[in-house]
C-alpha atoms as a PDB file:
ATOM      1  CA  MET A   1      18.908 163.452 -67.008  1.00  0.00           C
ATOM      2  CA  LYS A   2      15.508 162.205 -68.516  1.00  0.00           C
ATOM      3  CA  ASN A   3      12.804 160.671 -66.229  1.00  0.00           C
ATOM      4  CA  LYS A   4      11.961 157.100 -67.640  1.00  0.00           C
ATOM      5  CA  HIS A   5       9.060 157.210 -66.021  1.00  0.00           C
ATOM      6  CA  ILE A   6       7.384 160.325 -67.253  1.00  0.00           C
ATOM      7  CA  GLY A   7       4.339 159.398 -69.449  1.00  0.00           C
ATOM      8  CA  SER A   8       4.105 155.870 -68.197  1.00  0.00           C
ATOM      9  CA  SER A   9       1.230 154.501 -66.352  1.00  0.00           C
ATOM     10  CA  PHE A  10       1.151 153.345 -62.779  1.00  0.00           C
ATOM     11  CA  ASP A  11       0.571 149.794 -63.715  1.00  0.00           C
ATOM     12  CA  GLY A  12       3.794 149.752 -65.879  1.00  0.00           C
ATOM     13  CA  PHE A  13       5.332 151.038 -62.623  1.00  0.00           C
ATOM     14  CA  LEU A  14       3.967 148.244 -60.309  1.00  0.00           C
ATOM     15  CA  GLU A  15       5.125 145.726 -63.357  1.00  0.00           C
ATOM     16  CA  GLU A  16       8.368 146.398 -63.797  1.00  0.00           C
ATOM     17  CA  HIS A  17       8.916 146.349 -60.206  1.00  0.00           C
ATOM     18  CA  GLY A  18       7.571 142.600 -59.933  1.00  0.00           C
ATOM     19  CA  ILE A  19       4.186 143.559 -57.888  1.00  0.00           C
ATOM     20  CA  LEU A  20       1.596 144.656 -59.936  1.00  0.00           C
ATOM     21  CA  ALA A  21      -0.271 140.776 -59.498  1.00  0.00           C
ATOM     22  CA  SER A  22      -0.064 141.778 -56.055  1.00  0.00           C
ATOM     23  CA  SER A  23      -1.289 145.066 -56.021  1.00  0.00           C
ATOM     24  CA  GLN A  24      -4.222 144.061 -57.637  1.00  0.00           C
ATOM     25  CA  ALA A  25      -5.045 141.376 -55.515  1.00  0.00           C
ATOM     26  CA  GLU A  26      -4.897 143.545 -52.443  1.00  0.00           C
ATOM     27  CA  ALA A  27      -6.636 146.324 -54.012  1.00  0.00           C
ATOM     28  CA  ILE A  28      -9.393 143.992 -54.936  1.00  0.00           C
ATOM     29  CA  LYS A  29      -9.856 142.311 -51.360  1.00  0.00           C
ATOM     30  CA  ARG A  30      -9.826 145.885 -49.878  1.00  0.00           C
ATOM     31  CA  VAL A  31     -12.661 146.606 -51.972  1.00  0.00           C
ATOM     32  CA  ILE A  32     -14.391 143.389 -51.280  1.00  0.00           C
ATOM     33  CA  SER A  33     -13.823 143.367 -47.669  1.00  0.00           C
ATOM     34  CA  TRP A  34     -15.089 147.004 -47.506  1.00  0.00           C
ATOM     35  CA  GLN A  35     -18.215 145.683 -49.273  1.00  0.00           C
ATOM     36  CA  ILE A  36     -19.154 143.394 -46.936  1.00  0.00           C
ATOM     37  CA  GLN A  37     -18.431 145.395 -43.759  1.00  0.00           C
ATOM     38  CA  GLN A  38     -20.808 148.195 -45.165  1.00  0.00           C
ATOM     39  CA  HIS A  39     -23.408 145.204 -45.778  1.00  0.00           C
ATOM     40  CA  LEU A  40     -23.222 144.320 -41.731  1.00  0.00           C
ATOM     41  CA  GLU A  41     -23.319 147.901 -40.972  1.00  0.00           C
ATOM     42  CA  SER A  42     -26.335 148.914 -43.143  1.00  0.00           C
ATOM     43  CA  THR A  43     -27.951 145.736 -42.043  1.00  0.00           C
ATOM     44  CA  GLN A  44     -26.963 146.203 -38.597  1.00  0.00           C
ATOM     45  CA  MET A  45     -26.101 142.313 -38.910  1.00  0.00           C
ATOM     46  CA  LYS A  46     -23.496 140.734 -36.531  1.00  0.00           C
ATOM     47  CA  LYS A  47     -20.626 138.798 -37.588  1.00  0.00           C
ATOM     48  CA  SER A  48     -21.468 135.489 -35.834  1.00  0.00           C
ATOM     49  CA  THR A  49     -24.752 135.889 -37.762  1.00  0.00           C
ATOM     50  CA  PHE A  50     -23.338 136.555 -41.083  1.00  0.00           C
ATOM     51  CA  ALA A  51     -20.581 133.691 -40.236  1.00  0.00           C
ATOM     52  CA  LYS A  52     -23.578 131.134 -39.424  1.00  0.00           C
ATOM     53  CA  LYS A  53     -25.168 132.158 -42.774  1.00  0.00           C
ATOM     54  CA  LEU A  54     -21.767 131.659 -44.601  1.00  0.00           C
ATOM     55  CA  GLY A  55     -21.520 128.177 -42.885  1.00  0.00           C
ATOM     56  CA  THR A  56     -18.375 129.357 -41.761  1.00  0.00           C
ATOM     57  CA  SER A  57     -16.734 130.538 -38.245  1.00  0.00           C
ATOM     58  CA  ARG A  58     -16.562 133.828 -37.138  1.00  0.00           C
ATOM     59  CA  SER A  59     -12.642 133.535 -37.379  1.00  0.00           C
ATOM     60  CA  GLN A  60     -12.807 132.885 -40.854  1.00  0.00           C
ATOM     61  CA  LEU A  61     -15.022 135.978 -41.384  1.00  0.00           C
ATOM     62  CA  ASP A  62     -12.484 137.645 -39.506  1.00  0.00           C
ATOM     63  CA  ARG A  63     -10.041 136.315 -42.307  1.00  0.00           C
ATOM     64  CA  LEU A  64     -12.510 137.573 -45.273  1.00  0.00           C
ATOM     65  CA  LEU A  65     -12.919 141.283 -43.656  1.00  0.00           C
ATOM     66  CA  ASP A  66      -9.211 141.379 -43.057  1.00  0.00           C
ATOM     67  CA  PRO A  67      -7.934 143.510 -46.228  1.00  0.00           C
ATOM     68  CA  ALA A  68      -4.261 142.311 -46.066  1.00  0.00           C
ATOM     69  CA  ASN A  69      -5.342 138.603 -46.265  1.00  0.00           C
ATOM     70  CA  THR A  70      -5.467 138.094 -50.251  1.00  0.00           C
ATOM     71  CA  SER A  71      -6.804 134.205 -49.944  1.00  0.00           C
ATOM     72  CA  LEU A  72      -9.811 134.065 -51.230  1.00  0.00           C
ATOM     73  CA  ASN A  73     -12.256 131.218 -51.945  1.00  0.00           C
ATOM     74  CA  ILE A  74     -14.181 131.333 -54.847  1.00  0.00           C
ATOM     75  CA  LYS A  75     -16.978 129.880 -53.064  1.00  0.00           C
ATOM     76  CA  THR A  76     -16.810 131.811 -50.013  1.00  0.00           C
ATOM     77  CA  LEU A  77     -17.195 134.990 -52.373  1.00  0.00           C
ATOM     78  CA  THR A  78     -20.371 133.828 -53.990  1.00  0.00           C
ATOM     79  CA  THR A  79     -21.706 132.456 -50.621  1.00  0.00           C
ATOM     80  CA  ALA A  80     -21.220 135.743 -48.886  1.00  0.00           C
ATOM     81  CA  ALA A  81     -22.673 137.935 -52.510  1.00  0.00           C
ATOM     82  CA  GLU A  82     -25.640 135.284 -52.076  1.00  0.00           C
ATOM     83  CA  VAL A  83     -26.044 136.165 -48.334  1.00  0.00           C
ATOM     84  CA  MET A  84     -25.980 140.436 -49.277  1.00  0.00           C
ATOM     85  CA  GLY A  85     -28.261 139.440 -51.798  1.00  0.00           C
ATOM     86  CA  LYS A  86     -25.585 140.262 -54.476  1.00  0.00           C
ATOM     87  CA  ARG A  87     -24.359 137.978 -57.342  1.00  0.00           C
ATOM     88  CA  LEU A  88     -19.789 137.437 -57.599  1.00  0.00           C
ATOM     89  CA  GLU A  89     -18.705 138.567 -61.035  1.00  0.00           C
ATOM     90  CA  LEU A  90     -15.190 137.332 -61.904  1.00  0.00           C
ATOM     91  CA  GLN A  91     -13.610 138.452 -65.449  1.00  0.00           C
ATOM     92  CA  LEU A  92     -10.276 137.776 -67.021  1.00  0.00           C
ATOM     93  CA  VAL A  93      -9.485 140.643 -68.878  1.00  0.00           C
END
């Protein structure tokens, strides 16, 4: 019996199972959460201070830092990037 997945891509496998978009969203969110956490650690900034600079609550920041929560607001991400001295780049490819 031939394996129909030999030579196919992992993205193709995920797409075939209908989970490509959600997998990509979670991967992106994990990276963003990790980058923000790294910034907090490297600058020794408290979450409450970062939240205040974002103009949001500590609980909202915790949702932003939660890698499993893929509900993201572009304005919040843009502001977080600015607070970190970075800029947000989004592309549809």
